[in-house]
Amino acid sequence: MNQSAPVSPLATSDASTLKADLAFFEARLSLASGMADTSYQRAQSKVFQVLGKALAERLSQLGAGPLATDPARARRVERA
């Protein structure tokens, strides 16, 4: 069985994959908002915030359209 190493979401240059990953992180943050009772949950929220910002920056670098530069989306990622 050939096991491949996990690929960082930032390593891809496929805009649709990055958009899907960003949507996942935003969904996780919206579910976790106000429910970070433990240090693990707070750390998990912080990781999703950082990764979401990094993915949004990568999309912007790729020129992936309005989704990457949408100010409302950027505020949601920063606020969370």
PDB file of N, CA and C in Angstrom:
ATOM      1  N   MET A   1       0.839  -1.167   0.000  1.00  0.00           N
ATOM      2  CA  MET A   1       0.000   0.000   0.000  1.00  0.00           C
ATOM      3  C   MET A   1       0.889   1.237   0.000  1.00  0.00           C
ATOM      4  N   ASN A   2       0.633   2.151  -0.918  1.00  0.00           N
ATOM      5  CA  ASN A   2       1.425   3.360  -1.046  1.00  0.00           C
ATOM      6  C   ASN A   2       0.745   4.493  -0.290  1.00  0.00           C
ATOM      7  N   GLN A   3       1.385   4.957   0.770  1.00  0.00           N
ATOM      8  CA  GLN A   3       0.832   6.061   1.546  1.00  0.00           C
ATOM      9  C   GLN A   3       1.580   7.332   1.182  1.00  0.00           C
ATOM     10  N   SER A   4       0.840   8.323   0.747  1.00  0.00           N
ATOM     11  CA  SER A   4       1.487   9.586   0.425  1.00  0.00           C
ATOM     12  C   SER A   4       1.403  10.520   1.625  1.00  0.00           C
ATOM     13  N   ALA A   5       2.386  11.382   1.711  1.00  0.00           N
ATOM     14  CA  ALA A   5       2.419  12.351   2.810  1.00  0.00           C
ATOM     15  C   ALA A   5       1.304  13.366   2.614  1.00  0.00           C
ATOM     16  N   PRO A   6       0.732  13.866   3.709  1.00  0.00           N
ATOM     17  CA  PRO A   6      -0.310  14.881   3.571  1.00  0.00           C
ATOM     18  C   PRO A   6       0.247  16.132   2.904  1.00  0.00           C
ATOM     19  N   VAL A   7      -0.566  16.755   2.086  1.00  0.00           N
ATOM     20  CA  VAL A   7      -0.153  17.957   1.370  1.00  0.00           C
ATOM     21  C   VAL A   7      -0.721  19.175   2.080  1.00  0.00           C
ATOM     22  N   SER A   8       0.131  20.147   2.325  1.00  0.00           N
ATOM     23  CA  SER A   8      -0.315  21.392   2.955  1.00  0.00           C
ATOM     24  C   SER A   8      -1.304  22.097   2.042  1.00  0.00           C
ATOM     25  N   PRO A   9      -2.395  22.652   2.597  1.00  0.00           N
ATOM     26  CA  PRO A   9      -3.338  23.382   1.757  1.00  0.00           C
ATOM     27  C   PRO A   9      -2.691  24.579   1.073  1.00  0.00           C
ATOM     28  N   LEU A  10      -1.602  25.097   1.646  1.00  0.00           N
ATOM     29  CA  LEU A  10      -0.941  26.251   1.053  1.00  0.00           C
ATOM     30  C   LEU A  10      -0.031  25.861  -0.107  1.00  0.00           C
ATOM     31  N   ALA A  11       0.259  24.580  -0.255  1.00  0.00           N
ATOM     32  CA  ALA A  11       1.173  24.128  -1.299  1.00  0.00           C
ATOM     33  C   ALA A  11       0.497  24.060  -2.661  1.00  0.00           C
ATOM     34  N   THR A  12      -0.804  24.005  -2.683  1.00  0.00           N
ATOM     35  CA  THR A  12      -1.509  23.876  -3.948  1.00  0.00           C
ATOM     36  C   THR A  12      -1.716  25.232  -4.607  1.00  0.00           C
ATOM     37  N   SER A  13      -1.781  25.241  -5.908  1.00  0.00           N
ATOM     38  CA  SER A  13      -2.071  26.479  -6.621  1.00  0.00           C
ATOM     39  C   SER A  13      -3.426  26.379  -7.310  1.00  0.00           C
ATOM     40  N   ASP A  14      -4.207  25.369  -6.955  1.00  0.00           N
ATOM     41  CA  ASP A  14      -5.539  25.180  -7.516  1.00  0.00           C
ATOM     42  C   ASP A  14      -6.532  26.044  -6.738  1.00  0.00           C
ATOM     43  N   ALA A  15      -7.050  27.076  -7.383  1.00  0.00           N
ATOM     44  CA  ALA A  15      -7.919  28.034  -6.702  1.00  0.00           C
ATOM     45  C   ALA A  15      -9.176  27.379  -6.151  1.00  0.00           C
ATOM     46  N   SER A  16      -9.760  26.440  -6.874  1.00  0.00           N
ATOM     47  CA  SER A  16     -10.997  25.824  -6.382  1.00  0.00           C
ATOM     48  C   SER A  16     -10.744  25.000  -5.121  1.00  0.00           C
ATOM     49  N   THR A  17      -9.600  24.345  -5.041  1.00  0.00           N
ATOM     50  CA  THR A  17      -9.254  23.593  -3.832  1.00  0.00           C
ATOM     51  C   THR A  17      -9.030  24.542  -2.662  1.00  0.00           C
ATOM     52  N   LEU A  18      -8.338  25.646  -2.909  1.00  0.00           N
ATOM     53  CA  LEU A  18      -8.108  26.629  -1.853  1.00  0.00           C
ATOM     54  C   LEU A  18      -9.422  27.234  -1.373  1.00  0.00           C
ATOM     55  N   LYS A  19     -10.343  27.511  -2.297  1.00  0.00           N
ATOM     56  CA  LYS A  19     -11.645  28.059  -1.917  1.00  0.00           C
ATOM     57  C   LYS A  19     -12.426  27.068  -1.062  1.00  0.00           C
ATOM     58  N   ALA A  20     -12.355  25.800  -1.417  1.00  0.00           N
ATOM     59  CA  ALA A  20     -13.044  24.775  -0.624  1.00  0.00           C
ATOM     60  C   ALA A  20     -12.438  24.676   0.770  1.00  0.00           C
ATOM     61  N   ASP A  21     -11.116  24.721   0.856  1.00  0.00           N
ATOM     62  CA  ASP A  21     -10.450  24.680   2.164  1.00  0.00           C
ATOM     63  C   ASP A  21     -10.821  25.899   3.001  1.00  0.00           C
ATOM     64  N   LEU A  22     -10.848  27.070   2.373  1.00  0.00           N
ATOM     65  CA  LEU A  22     -11.211  28.290   3.084  1.00  0.00           C
ATOM     66  C   LEU A  22     -12.649  28.206   3.596  1.00  0.00           C
ATOM     67  N   ALA A  23     -13.551  27.685   2.787  1.00  0.00           N
ATOM     68  CA  ALA A  23     -14.946  27.523   3.214  1.00  0.00           C
ATOM     69  C   ALA A  23     -15.033  26.570   4.405  1.00  0.00           C
ATOM     70  N   PHE A  24     -14.224  25.510   4.392  1.00  0.00           N
ATOM     71  CA  PHE A  24     -14.205  24.569   5.515  1.00  0.00           C
ATOM     72  C   PHE A  24     -13.776  25.279   6.799  1.00  0.00           C
ATOM     73  N   PHE A  25     -12.685  26.055   6.722  1.00  0.00           N
ATOM     74  CA  PHE A  25     -12.197  26.749   7.912  1.00  0.00           C
ATOM     75  C   PHE A  25     -13.218  27.758   8.420  1.00  0.00           C
ATOM     76  N   GLU A  26     -13.881  28.470   7.502  1.00  0.00           N
ATOM     77  CA  GLU A  26     -14.902  29.429   7.917  1.00  0.00           C
ATOM     78  C   GLU A  26     -16.080  28.724   8.588  1.00  0.00           C
ATOM     79  N   ALA A  27     -16.472  27.576   8.056  1.00  0.00           N
ATOM     80  CA  ALA A  27     -17.575  26.821   8.665  1.00  0.00           C
ATOM     81  C   ALA A  27     -17.198  26.348  10.062  1.00  0.00           C
ATOM     82  N   ARG A  28     -15.997  25.847  10.212  1.00  0.00           N
ATOM     83  CA  ARG A  28     -15.544  25.397  11.535  1.00  0.00           C
ATOM     84  C   ARG A  28     -15.504  26.557  12.527  1.00  0.00           C
ATOM     85  N   LEU A  29     -15.039  27.712  12.075  1.00  0.00           N
ATOM     86  CA  LEU A  29     -14.997  28.875  12.955  1.00  0.00           C
ATOM     87  C   LEU A  29     -16.393  29.324  13.356  1.00  0.00           C
ATOM     88  N   SER A  30     -17.334  29.288  12.415  1.00  0.00           N
ATOM     89  CA  SER A  30     -18.690  29.715  12.761  1.00  0.00           C
ATOM     90  C   SER A  30     -19.334  28.747  13.744  1.00  0.00           C
ATOM     91  N   LEU A  31     -19.025  27.465  13.624  1.00  0.00           N
ATOM     92  CA  LEU A  31     -19.549  26.491  14.582  1.00  0.00           C
ATOM     93  C   LEU A  31     -18.926  26.669  15.962  1.00  0.00           C
ATOM     94  N   ALA A  32     -17.670  27.051  15.991  1.00  0.00           N
ATOM     95  CA  ALA A  32     -16.944  27.152  17.258  1.00  0.00           C
ATOM     96  C   ALA A  32     -17.106  28.505  17.939  1.00  0.00           C
ATOM     97  N   SER A  33     -17.662  29.483  17.234  1.00  0.00           N
ATOM     98  CA  SER A  33     -17.743  30.827  17.818  1.00  0.00           C
ATOM     99  C   SER A  33     -18.576  30.817  19.091  1.00  0.00           C
ATOM    100  N   GLY A  34     -17.988  31.352  20.135  1.00  0.00           N
ATOM    101  CA  GLY A  34     -18.659  31.418  21.423  1.00  0.00           C
ATOM    102  C   GLY A  34     -18.688  30.117  22.193  1.00  0.00           C
ATOM    103  N   MET A  35     -18.087  29.069  21.668  1.00  0.00           N
ATOM    104  CA  MET A  35     -18.135  27.772  22.334  1.00  0.00           C
ATOM    105  C   MET A  35     -16.748  27.274  22.731  1.00  0.00           C
ATOM    106  N   ALA A  36     -15.760  28.163  22.743  1.00  0.00           N
ATOM    107  CA  ALA A  36     -14.394  27.755  23.072  1.00  0.00           C
ATOM    108  C   ALA A  36     -14.235  27.685  24.593  1.00  0.00           C
ATOM    109  N   ASP A  37     -14.699  26.590  25.175  1.00  0.00           N
ATOM    110  CA  ASP A  37     -14.667  26.424  26.625  1.00  0.00           C
ATOM    111  C   ASP A  37     -13.332  25.900  27.140  1.00  0.00           C
ATOM    112  N   THR A  38     -12.640  25.141  26.331  1.00  0.00           N
ATOM    113  CA  THR A  38     -11.388  24.533  26.774  1.00  0.00           C
ATOM    114  C   THR A  38     -10.213  25.162  26.034  1.00  0.00           C
ATOM    115  N   SER A  39      -9.031  24.959  26.565  1.00  0.00           N
ATOM    116  CA  SER A  39      -7.840  25.490  25.894  1.00  0.00           C
ATOM    117  C   SER A  39      -7.652  24.823  24.534  1.00  0.00           C
ATOM    118  N   TYR A  40      -8.042  23.558  24.416  1.00  0.00           N
ATOM    119  CA  TYR A  40      -7.949  22.865  23.129  1.00  0.00           C
ATOM    120  C   TYR A  40      -8.854  23.542  22.099  1.00  0.00           C
ATOM    121  N   GLN A  41     -10.081  23.866  22.483  1.00  0.00           N
ATOM    122  CA  GLN A  41     -11.016  24.507  21.557  1.00  0.00           C
ATOM    123  C   GLN A  41     -10.533  25.901  21.163  1.00  0.00           C
ATOM    124  N   ARG A  42      -9.963  26.635  22.118  1.00  0.00           N
ATOM    125  CA  ARG A  42      -9.428  27.955  21.801  1.00  0.00           C
ATOM    126  C   ARG A  42      -8.241  27.836  20.843  1.00  0.00           C
ATOM    127  N   ALA A  43      -7.385  26.858  21.076  1.00  0.00           N
ATOM    128  CA  ALA A  43      -6.239  26.639  20.186  1.00  0.00           C
ATOM    129  C   ALA A  43      -6.705  26.229  18.794  1.00  0.00           C
ATOM    130  N   GLN A  44      -7.707  25.375  18.742  1.00  0.00           N
ATOM    131  CA  GLN A  44      -8.237  24.934  17.453  1.00  0.00           C
ATOM    132  C   GLN A  44      -8.819  26.123  16.683  1.00  0.00           C
ATOM    133  N   SER A  45      -9.545  26.989  17.357  1.00  0.00           N
ATOM    134  CA  SER A  45     -10.097  28.177  16.708  1.00  0.00           C
ATOM    135  C   SER A  45      -8.982  29.073  16.180  1.00  0.00           C
ATOM    136  N   LYS A  46      -7.930  29.228  16.971  1.00  0.00           N
ATOM    137  CA  LYS A  46      -6.803  30.061  16.549  1.00  0.00           C
ATOM    138  C   LYS A  46      -6.134  29.482  15.304  1.00  0.00           C
ATOM    139  N   VAL A  47      -5.959  28.173  15.271  1.00  0.00           N
ATOM    140  CA  VAL A  47      -5.355  27.521  14.101  1.00  0.00           C
ATOM    141  C   VAL A  47      -6.222  27.746  12.868  1.00  0.00           C
ATOM    142  N   PHE A  48      -7.537  27.597  13.011  1.00  0.00           N
ATOM    143  CA  PHE A  48      -8.432  27.814  11.874  1.00  0.00           C
ATOM    144  C   PHE A  48      -8.375  29.268  11.406  1.00  0.00           C
ATOM    145  N   GLN A  49      -8.229  30.213  12.335  1.00  0.00           N
ATOM    146  CA  GLN A  49      -8.103  31.619  11.956  1.00  0.00           C
ATOM    147  C   GLN A  49      -6.835  31.846  11.136  1.00  0.00           C
ATOM    148  N   VAL A  50      -5.727  31.330  11.640  1.00  0.00           N
ATOM    149  CA  VAL A  50      -4.436  31.521  10.971  1.00  0.00           C
ATOM    150  C   VAL A  50      -4.437  30.861   9.594  1.00  0.00           C
ATOM    151  N   LEU A  51      -4.924  29.634   9.518  1.00  0.00           N
ATOM    152  CA  LEU A  51      -4.963  28.944   8.230  1.00  0.00           C
ATOM    153  C   LEU A  51      -5.922  29.631   7.260  1.00  0.00           C
ATOM    154  N   GLY A  52      -7.040  30.103   7.764  1.00  0.00           N
ATOM    155  CA  GLY A  52      -7.987  30.821   6.909  1.00  0.00           C
ATOM    156  C   GLY A  52      -7.369  32.068   6.307  1.00  0.00           C
ATOM    157  N   LYS A  53      -6.646  32.826   7.127  1.00  0.00           N
ATOM    158  CA  LYS A  53      -5.967  34.023   6.627  1.00  0.00           C
ATOM    159  C   LYS A  53      -4.916  33.654   5.584  1.00  0.00           C
ATOM    160  N   ALA A  54      -4.149  32.615   5.868  1.00  0.00           N
ATOM    161  CA  ALA A  54      -3.096  32.193   4.939  1.00  0.00           C
ATOM    162  C   ALA A  54      -3.691  31.744   3.606  1.00  0.00           C
ATOM    163  N   LEU A  55      -4.798  31.009   3.660  1.00  0.00           N
ATOM    164  CA  LEU A  55      -5.449  30.566   2.424  1.00  0.00           C
ATOM    165  C   LEU A  55      -6.010  31.753   1.649  1.00  0.00           C
ATOM    166  N   ALA A  56      -6.596  32.717   2.353  1.00  0.00           N
ATOM    167  CA  ALA A  56      -7.127  33.907   1.683  1.00  0.00           C
ATOM    168  C   ALA A  56      -6.003  34.687   1.003  1.00  0.00           C
ATOM    169  N   GLU A  57      -4.853  34.788   1.670  1.00  0.00           N
ATOM    170  CA  GLU A  57      -3.703  35.468   1.071  1.00  0.00           C
ATOM    171  C   GLU A  57      -3.217  34.724  -0.167  1.00  0.00           C
ATOM    172  N   ARG A  58      -3.181  33.407  -0.086  1.00  0.00           N
ATOM    173  CA  ARG A  58      -2.738  32.591  -1.231  1.00  0.00           C
ATOM    174  C   ARG A  58      -3.692  32.763  -2.407  1.00  0.00           C
ATOM    175  N   LEU A  59      -4.998  32.778  -2.133  1.00  0.00           N
ATOM    176  CA  LEU A  59      -5.982  33.006  -3.193  1.00  0.00           C
ATOM    177  C   LEU A  59      -5.783  34.379  -3.822  1.00  0.00           C
ATOM    178  N   SER A  60      -5.508  35.358  -2.999  1.00  0.00           N
ATOM    179  CA  SER A  60      -5.274  36.701  -3.502  1.00  0.00           C
ATOM    180  C   SER A  60      -4.046  36.732  -4.414  1.00  0.00           C
ATOM    181  N   GLN A  61      -2.989  36.024  -4.017  1.00  0.00           N
ATOM    182  CA  GLN A  61      -1.775  35.951  -4.833  1.00  0.00           C
ATOM    183  C   GLN A  61      -2.056  35.294  -6.177  1.00  0.00           C
ATOM    184  N   LEU A  62      -2.961  34.322  -6.179  1.00  0.00           N
ATOM    185  CA  LEU A  62      -3.297  33.629  -7.417  1.00  0.00           C
ATOM    186  C   LEU A  62      -4.233  34.451  -8.291  1.00  0.00           C
ATOM    187  N   GLY A  63      -4.767  35.527  -7.736  1.00  0.00           N
ATOM    188  CA  GLY A  63      -5.732  36.327  -8.479  1.00  0.00           C
ATOM    189  C   GLY A  63      -6.994  35.541  -8.741  1.00  0.00           C
ATOM    190  N   ALA A  64      -7.476  34.870  -7.706  1.00  0.00           N
ATOM    191  CA  ALA A  64      -8.594  33.938  -7.861  1.00  0.00           C
ATOM    192  C   ALA A  64      -9.954  34.614  -7.889  1.00  0.00           C
ATOM    193  N   GLY A  65     -10.009  35.894  -8.154  1.00  0.00           N
ATOM    194  CA  GLY A  65     -11.292  36.550  -8.313  1.00  0.00           C
ATOM    195  C   GLY A  65     -11.790  37.235  -7.063  1.00  0.00           C
ATOM    196  N   PRO A  66     -13.063  37.646  -7.090  1.00  0.00           N
ATOM    197  CA  PRO A  66     -13.615  38.453  -6.004  1.00  0.00           C
ATOM    198  C   PRO A  66     -13.655  37.743  -4.663  1.00  0.00           C
ATOM    199  N   LEU A  67     -13.717  36.428  -4.666  1.00  0.00           N
ATOM    200  CA  LEU A  67     -13.760  35.693  -3.402  1.00  0.00           C
ATOM    201  C   LEU A  67     -12.513  35.974  -2.579  1.00  0.00           C
ATOM    202  N   ALA A  68     -11.374  36.058  -3.249  1.00  0.00           N
ATOM    203  CA  ALA A  68     -10.107  36.252  -2.545  1.00  0.00           C
ATOM    204  C   ALA A  68      -9.969  37.652  -1.973  1.00  0.00           C
ATOM    205  N   THR A  69     -10.641  38.627  -2.569  1.00  0.00           N
ATOM    206  CA  THR A  69     -10.469  40.003  -2.121  1.00  0.00           C
ATOM    207  C   THR A  69     -11.751  40.583  -1.541  1.00  0.00           C
ATOM    208  N   ASP A  70     -12.750  39.769  -1.300  1.00  0.00           N
ATOM    209  CA  ASP A  70     -14.019  40.217  -0.739  1.00  0.00           C
ATOM    210  C   ASP A  70     -13.790  40.729   0.680  1.00  0.00           C
ATOM    211  N   PRO A  71     -13.985  42.041   0.941  1.00  0.00           N
ATOM    212  CA  PRO A  71     -13.717  42.592   2.276  1.00  0.00           C
ATOM    213  C   PRO A  71     -14.571  41.961   3.367  1.00  0.00           C
ATOM    214  N   ALA A  72     -15.818  41.626   3.071  1.00  0.00           N
ATOM    215  CA  ALA A  72     -16.682  41.007   4.084  1.00  0.00           C
ATOM    216  C   ALA A  72     -16.120  39.661   4.505  1.00  0.00           C
ATOM    217  N   ARG A  73     -15.641  38.878   3.561  1.00  0.00           N
ATOM    218  CA  ARG A  73     -15.057  37.575   3.874  1.00  0.00           C
ATOM    219  C   ARG A  73     -13.791  37.762   4.694  1.00  0.00           C
ATOM    220  N   ALA A  74     -12.970  38.721   4.333  1.00  0.00           N
ATOM    221  CA  ALA A  74     -11.732  38.965   5.078  1.00  0.00           C
ATOM    222  C   ALA A  74     -12.047  39.361   6.514  1.00  0.00           C
ATOM    223  N   ARG A  75     -13.073  40.185   6.712  1.00  0.00           N
ATOM    224  CA  ARG A  75     -13.447  40.580   8.075  1.00  0.00           C
ATOM    225  C   ARG A  75     -13.921  39.389   8.883  1.00  0.00           C
ATOM    226  N   ARG A  76     -14.692  38.473   8.262  1.00  0.00           N
ATOM    227  CA  ARG A  76     -15.171  37.293   8.986  1.00  0.00           C
ATOM    228  C   ARG A  76     -13.998  36.445   9.447  1.00  0.00           C
ATOM    229  N   VAL A  77     -13.000  36.280   8.608  1.00  0.00           N
ATOM    230  CA  VAL A  77     -11.835  35.469   8.972  1.00  0.00           C
ATOM    231  C   VAL A  77     -11.062  36.152  10.085  1.00  0.00           C
ATOM    232  N   GLU A  78     -10.882  37.484   9.999  1.00  0.00           N
ATOM    233  CA  GLU A  78     -10.129  38.206  11.021  1.00  0.00           C
ATOM    234  C   GLU A  78     -10.870  38.246  12.351  1.00  0.00           C
ATOM    235  N   ARG A  79     -12.192  38.390  12.305  1.00  0.00           N
ATOM    236  CA  ARG A  79     -12.993  38.507  13.518  1.00  0.00           C
ATOM    237  C   ARG A  79     -13.044  37.227  14.312  1.00  0.00           C
ATOM    238  N   ALA A  80     -13.078  36.129  13.639  1.00  0.00           N
ATOM    239  CA  ALA A  80     -13.295  34.834  14.285  1.00  0.00           C
ATOM    240  C   ALA A  80     -12.192  34.444  15.222  1.00  0.00           C
TER     241      ALA A  80
END
